[in-house]
Amino acid sequence: NEITADEARELIYNEDGNYITSMMKYEGELKYYGEKNTIDLEYWDIPKEPAYRFDLLINICDINDNWCTYFVGKESKNVYTLFNEPYNEVYQMQDNKKVKIYKNLSGSSHRWHQYF
């Protein structure tokens, strides 16, 4: 059974809420971006499936910035997060832990997703 966008948002908070909460001090907002026919991340070996996309927007120095993106698989209900710069790792999150790390296939991957 496919989940709804509201259920996907709830899953993001369940699986990575600690990180999102830590970013709220920067006037953070988890914004619904839309539906995707597939998680199209060609530089990472992530299973392709229909998904919902959300962007975590934060305000640093009066500039709203798209800090990171979340994809939630409609059927698998997996939560993936990636930083919005090239060559970073993508994480599958569960219970506020990285349960799977996807390295960038270009051969260069950088860690992120630390708490501030």
N, C-alpha and C. Protein backbone atom coordinates (compact mmCIF):
# COMPACT_ATOMS: atom_id res chain seq x y z
N ASN A 1 0.83 -1.19 0.00
CA ASN A 1 0.00 0.00 0.00
C ASN A 1 0.88 1.26 0.00
N GLU A 2 0.52 2.20 -0.85
CA GLU A 2 1.27 3.45 -0.91
C GLU A 2 0.84 4.38 0.22
N ILE A 3 1.80 5.12 0.74
CA ILE A 3 1.50 6.10 1.77
C ILE A 3 1.15 7.44 1.13
N THR A 4 0.55 8.32 1.91
CA THR A 4 0.22 9.66 1.45
C THR A 4 1.38 10.61 1.76
N ALA A 5 1.32 11.82 1.23
CA ALA A 5 2.34 12.82 1.50
C ALA A 5 2.37 13.17 2.99
N ASP A 6 1.22 13.25 3.62
CA ASP A 6 1.17 13.54 5.07
C ASP A 6 1.82 12.42 5.88
N GLU A 7 1.59 11.20 5.48
CA GLU A 7 2.21 10.07 6.16
C GLU A 7 3.73 10.07 5.93
N ALA A 8 4.15 10.48 4.74
CA ALA A 8 5.58 10.58 4.43
C ALA A 8 6.24 11.63 5.32
N ARG A 9 5.58 12.78 5.48
CA ARG A 9 6.12 13.83 6.37
C ARG A 9 6.27 13.30 7.79
N GLU A 10 5.27 12.59 8.26
CA GLU A 10 5.31 12.02 9.61
C GLU A 10 6.46 11.02 9.74
N LEU A 11 6.67 10.22 8.70
CA LEU A 11 7.78 9.27 8.72
C LEU A 11 9.13 9.97 8.83
N ILE A 12 9.28 11.08 8.11
CA ILE A 12 10.54 11.83 8.18
C ILE A 12 10.81 12.27 9.61
N TYR A 13 9.77 12.81 10.26
CA TYR A 13 9.94 13.23 11.66
C TYR A 13 10.22 12.04 12.58
N ASN A 14 9.61 10.90 12.31
CA ASN A 14 9.85 9.70 13.12
C ASN A 14 11.27 9.18 12.94
N GLU A 15 11.75 9.19 11.71
CA GLU A 15 13.04 8.56 11.40
C GLU A 15 14.23 9.50 11.53
N ASP A 16 14.02 10.82 11.40
CA ASP A 16 15.14 11.77 11.47
C ASP A 16 14.75 13.04 12.22
N GLY A 17 13.82 12.93 13.12
CA GLY A 17 13.31 14.09 13.84
C GLY A 17 14.35 14.79 14.71
N ASN A 18 15.30 14.03 15.27
CA ASN A 18 16.32 14.67 16.10
C ASN A 18 17.13 15.67 15.29
N TYR A 19 17.49 15.29 14.09
CA TYR A 19 18.27 16.20 13.24
C TYR A 19 17.43 17.41 12.84
N ILE A 20 16.20 17.17 12.42
CA ILE A 20 15.32 18.27 12.01
C ILE A 20 15.12 19.24 13.17
N THR A 21 14.88 18.70 14.36
CA THR A 21 14.70 19.55 15.54
C THR A 21 15.94 20.40 15.80
N SER A 22 17.12 19.81 15.61
CA SER A 22 18.36 20.57 15.83
C SER A 22 18.50 21.71 14.83
N MET A 23 17.88 21.60 13.66
CA MET A 23 17.98 22.63 12.63
C MET A 23 16.90 23.70 12.79
N MET A 24 15.92 23.47 13.63
CA MET A 24 14.83 24.44 13.80
C MET A 24 15.28 25.76 14.42
N LYS A 25 16.42 25.75 15.09
CA LYS A 25 16.93 27.00 15.64
C LYS A 25 17.34 27.96 14.53
N TYR A 26 17.46 27.46 13.31
CA TYR A 26 17.74 28.31 12.15
C TYR A 26 16.46 28.63 11.39
N GLU A 27 15.36 28.71 12.12
CA GLU A 27 14.05 28.97 11.52
C GLU A 27 13.75 27.95 10.42
N GLY A 28 13.98 26.71 10.74
CA GLY A 28 13.81 25.64 9.77
C GLY A 28 12.36 25.35 9.43
N GLU A 29 12.18 24.83 8.24
CA GLU A 29 10.85 24.44 7.77
C GLU A 29 11.01 23.24 6.84
N LEU A 30 10.22 22.20 7.09
CA LEU A 30 10.21 21.04 6.21
C LEU A 30 9.11 21.26 5.18
N LYS A 31 9.49 21.56 3.95
CA LYS A 31 8.54 21.96 2.92
C LYS A 31 8.32 20.82 1.92
N TYR A 32 7.05 20.56 1.66
CA TYR A 32 6.69 19.53 0.66
C TYR A 32 7.04 20.05 -0.72
N TYR A 33 7.81 19.27 -1.46
CA TYR A 33 8.25 19.67 -2.79
C TYR A 33 7.41 19.01 -3.89
N GLY A 34 6.95 17.80 -3.64
CA GLY A 34 6.11 17.13 -4.64
C GLY A 34 6.38 15.65 -4.72
N GLU A 35 5.70 15.03 -5.69
CA GLU A 35 5.86 13.60 -5.93
C GLU A 35 6.85 13.40 -7.06
N LYS A 36 7.59 12.32 -6.97
CA LYS A 36 8.54 11.96 -8.03
C LYS A 36 8.16 10.56 -8.51
N ASN A 37 8.25 10.36 -9.82
CA ASN A 37 7.98 9.03 -10.36
C ASN A 37 9.02 8.03 -9.89
N THR A 38 10.21 8.51 -9.62
CA THR A 38 11.27 7.66 -9.11
C THR A 38 12.24 8.51 -8.31
N ILE A 39 12.92 7.88 -7.39
CA ILE A 39 14.01 8.56 -6.71
C ILE A 39 15.15 8.59 -7.71
N ASP A 40 15.33 9.71 -8.35
CA ASP A 40 16.27 9.81 -9.46
C ASP A 40 17.57 10.45 -8.98
N LEU A 41 18.36 9.64 -8.34
CA LEU A 41 19.65 10.10 -7.86
C LEU A 41 20.72 9.27 -8.56
N GLU A 42 21.09 9.70 -9.74
CA GLU A 42 21.94 8.90 -10.61
C GLU A 42 23.33 8.65 -10.06
N TYR A 43 23.80 9.47 -9.13
CA TYR A 43 25.16 9.31 -8.62
C TYR A 43 25.23 8.47 -7.36
N TRP A 44 24.10 7.89 -6.96
CA TRP A 44 24.05 6.99 -5.82
C TRP A 44 23.24 5.77 -6.21
N ASP A 45 23.59 4.65 -5.67
CA ASP A 45 22.93 3.39 -6.02
C ASP A 45 21.74 3.13 -5.09
N ILE A 46 20.75 4.03 -5.19
CA ILE A 46 19.56 3.94 -4.35
C ILE A 46 18.46 3.24 -5.13
N PRO A 47 17.73 2.32 -4.50
CA PRO A 47 16.64 1.65 -5.23
C PRO A 47 15.65 2.68 -5.81
N LYS A 48 15.27 2.49 -7.04
CA LYS A 48 14.37 3.42 -7.71
C LYS A 48 12.93 3.01 -7.42
N GLU A 49 12.14 3.98 -6.99
CA GLU A 49 10.72 3.75 -6.72
C GLU A 49 10.03 5.11 -6.66
N PRO A 50 8.73 5.15 -6.84
CA PRO A 50 7.99 6.40 -6.67
C PRO A 50 8.19 6.93 -5.25
N ALA A 51 8.29 8.26 -5.11
CA ALA A 51 8.61 8.83 -3.81
C ALA A 51 8.02 10.22 -3.65
N TYR A 52 7.99 10.67 -2.41
CA TYR A 52 7.67 12.05 -2.08
C TYR A 52 8.98 12.76 -1.75
N ARG A 53 9.03 14.04 -2.12
CA ARG A 53 10.22 14.84 -1.83
C ARG A 53 9.85 16.00 -0.91
N PHE A 54 10.68 16.20 0.09
CA PHE A 54 10.56 17.32 1.01
C PHE A 54 11.92 17.99 1.11
N ASP A 55 11.93 19.31 1.25
CA ASP A 55 13.17 20.05 1.43
C ASP A 55 13.19 20.68 2.81
N LEU A 56 14.32 20.56 3.49
CA LEU A 56 14.50 21.24 4.78
C LEU A 56 15.12 22.60 4.49
N LEU A 57 14.33 23.65 4.69
CA LEU A 57 14.78 25.01 4.45
C LEU A 57 15.21 25.62 5.78
N ILE A 58 16.34 26.31 5.77
CA ILE A 58 16.78 27.01 6.96
C ILE A 58 17.15 28.44 6.59
N ASN A 59 17.21 29.29 7.60
CA ASN A 59 17.51 30.69 7.39
C ASN A 59 18.83 31.00 8.09
N ILE A 60 19.86 31.24 7.30
CA ILE A 60 21.16 31.60 7.83
C ILE A 60 21.53 32.96 7.26
N CYS A 61 21.82 33.90 8.12
CA CYS A 61 22.18 35.27 7.69
C CYS A 61 21.11 35.88 6.80
N ASP A 62 19.86 35.69 7.18
CA ASP A 62 18.72 36.24 6.43
C ASP A 62 18.61 35.70 5.01
N ILE A 63 19.18 34.56 4.76
CA ILE A 63 19.06 33.92 3.44
C ILE A 63 18.39 32.57 3.66
N ASN A 64 17.26 32.35 3.01
CA ASN A 64 16.61 31.04 3.08
C ASN A 64 17.37 30.09 2.18
N ASP A 65 17.75 28.96 2.74
CA ASP A 65 18.59 28.03 2.01
C ASP A 65 17.96 26.64 2.07
N ASN A 66 18.01 25.95 0.94
CA ASN A 66 17.58 24.56 0.89
C ASN A 66 18.73 23.73 1.43
N TRP A 67 18.65 23.39 2.71
CA TRP A 67 19.75 22.74 3.41
C TRP A 67 19.93 21.28 2.98
N CYS A 68 18.83 20.54 3.00
CA CYS A 68 18.91 19.14 2.59
C CYS A 68 17.55 18.70 2.07
N THR A 69 17.56 17.55 1.42
CA THR A 69 16.35 17.01 0.80
C THR A 69 16.07 15.63 1.38
N TYR A 70 14.79 15.35 1.53
CA TYR A 70 14.33 14.03 1.95
C TYR A 70 13.49 13.40 0.85
N PHE A 71 13.72 12.13 0.61
CA PHE A 71 12.85 11.34 -0.24
C PHE A 71 12.28 10.22 0.61
N VAL A 72 10.98 9.96 0.45
CA VAL A 72 10.32 8.86 1.16
C VAL A 72 9.68 7.96 0.12
N GLY A 73 10.11 6.71 0.07
CA GLY A 73 9.55 5.75 -0.86
C GLY A 73 8.08 5.51 -0.58
N LYS A 74 7.25 5.63 -1.61
CA LYS A 74 5.80 5.48 -1.41
C LYS A 74 5.43 4.09 -0.94
N GLU A 75 6.13 3.08 -1.43
CA GLU A 75 5.81 1.71 -1.04
C GLU A 75 6.73 1.18 0.05
N SER A 76 8.04 1.41 -0.09
CA SER A 76 8.99 0.89 0.90
C SER A 76 8.92 1.65 2.21
N LYS A 77 8.49 2.92 2.14
CA LYS A 77 8.46 3.83 3.30
C LYS A 77 9.86 4.14 3.82
N ASN A 78 10.88 3.88 3.02
CA ASN A 78 12.25 4.23 3.40
C ASN A 78 12.43 5.74 3.32
N VAL A 79 13.19 6.28 4.28
CA VAL A 79 13.47 7.71 4.34
C VAL A 79 14.94 7.90 4.00
N TYR A 80 15.20 8.68 2.94
CA TYR A 80 16.55 8.99 2.50
C TYR A 80 16.77 10.49 2.64
N THR A 81 17.97 10.88 3.02
CA THR A 81 18.28 12.30 3.11
C THR A 81 19.62 12.57 2.44
N LEU A 82 19.69 13.70 1.75
CA LEU A 82 20.93 14.10 1.11
C LEU A 82 21.13 15.60 1.25
N PHE A 83 22.37 15.97 1.39
CA PHE A 83 22.76 17.36 1.50
C PHE A 83 22.80 17.96 0.11
N ASN A 84 22.44 19.22 0.00
CA ASN A 84 22.31 19.82 -1.32
C ASN A 84 23.61 20.42 -1.84
N GLU A 85 24.63 19.61 -1.83
CA GLU A 85 25.90 19.91 -2.49
C GLU A 85 26.41 18.61 -3.09
N PRO A 86 27.16 18.71 -4.17
CA PRO A 86 27.62 17.48 -4.82
C PRO A 86 28.60 16.69 -3.95
N TYR A 87 28.68 15.42 -4.24
CA TYR A 87 29.66 14.50 -3.67
C TYR A 87 29.44 14.18 -2.20
N ASN A 88 28.27 14.38 -1.70
CA ASN A 88 27.98 14.00 -0.32
C ASN A 88 27.31 12.64 -0.28
N GLU A 89 27.40 12.01 0.88
CA GLU A 89 26.74 10.73 1.06
C GLU A 89 25.23 10.94 1.19
N VAL A 90 24.48 9.90 0.85
CA VAL A 90 23.04 9.86 1.07
C VAL A 90 22.81 8.84 2.17
N TYR A 91 21.92 9.18 3.10
CA TYR A 91 21.67 8.29 4.23
C TYR A 91 20.24 7.79 4.23
N GLN A 92 20.08 6.50 4.48
CA GLN A 92 18.76 5.97 4.79
C GLN A 92 18.64 6.03 6.30
N MET A 93 17.59 6.72 6.77
CA MET A 93 17.43 6.98 8.20
C MET A 93 16.33 6.09 8.79
N GLN A 94 16.58 5.65 10.01
CA GLN A 94 15.58 4.88 10.75
C GLN A 94 15.87 5.07 12.24
N ASP A 95 14.85 5.44 12.99
CA ASP A 95 14.99 5.66 14.43
C ASP A 95 16.13 6.63 14.75
N ASN A 96 16.26 7.69 13.95
CA ASN A 96 17.27 8.73 14.13
C ASN A 96 18.70 8.20 14.00
N LYS A 97 18.85 7.13 13.23
CA LYS A 97 20.17 6.56 12.96
C LYS A 97 20.34 6.34 11.46
N LYS A 98 21.58 6.41 11.02
CA LYS A 98 21.91 6.08 9.63
C LYS A 98 21.99 4.57 9.53
N VAL A 99 21.00 3.96 8.89
CA VAL A 99 21.00 2.50 8.79
C VAL A 99 21.67 2.03 7.51
N LYS A 100 21.81 2.94 6.54
CA LYS A 100 22.51 2.60 5.31
C LYS A 100 23.13 3.87 4.75
N ILE A 101 24.36 3.77 4.31
CA ILE A 101 25.07 4.91 3.73
C ILE A 101 25.33 4.61 2.26
N TYR A 102 24.92 5.53 1.42
CA TYR A 102 25.15 5.41 -0.01
C TYR A 102 26.25 6.39 -0.40
N LYS A 103 27.37 5.84 -0.85
CA LYS A 103 28.49 6.66 -1.30
C LYS A 103 28.19 7.17 -2.70
N ASN A 104 28.75 8.31 -3.02
CA ASN A 104 28.63 8.87 -4.35
C ASN A 104 29.42 7.98 -5.31
N LEU A 105 28.79 7.59 -6.42
CA LEU A 105 29.42 6.66 -7.36
C LEU A 105 30.58 7.28 -8.14
N SER A 106 30.75 8.59 -8.04
CA SER A 106 31.86 9.24 -8.73
C SER A 106 33.19 8.90 -8.06
N GLY A 107 33.12 8.30 -6.87
CA GLY A 107 34.33 7.93 -6.16
C GLY A 107 34.70 8.91 -5.06
N SER A 108 34.00 10.02 -4.98
CA SER A 108 34.28 11.02 -3.94
C SER A 108 33.02 11.24 -3.13
N SER A 109 33.07 10.89 -1.86
CA SER A 109 31.91 11.08 -0.98
C SER A 109 32.34 11.79 0.28
N HIS A 110 31.49 12.69 0.76
CA HIS A 110 31.77 13.43 1.98
C HIS A 110 30.64 13.18 2.98
N ARG A 111 31.02 13.09 4.23
CA ARG A 111 30.03 12.93 5.30
C ARG A 111 29.39 14.28 5.60
N TRP A 112 28.19 14.23 6.10
CA TRP A 112 27.50 15.41 6.58
C TRP A 112 26.51 14.92 7.63
N HIS A 113 25.48 15.66 7.94
CA HIS A 113 24.41 15.24 8.85
C HIS A 113 24.90 15.19 10.29
N GLN A 114 25.63 16.21 10.69
CA GLN A 114 26.00 16.33 12.08
C GLN A 114 25.07 17.34 12.74
N TYR A 115 24.99 17.29 14.04
CA TYR A 115 24.14 18.21 14.77
C TYR A 115 24.94 19.47 15.10
N PHE A 116 24.26 20.60 15.04
CA PHE A 116 24.93 21.87 15.32
C PHE A 116 24.57 22.35 16.72
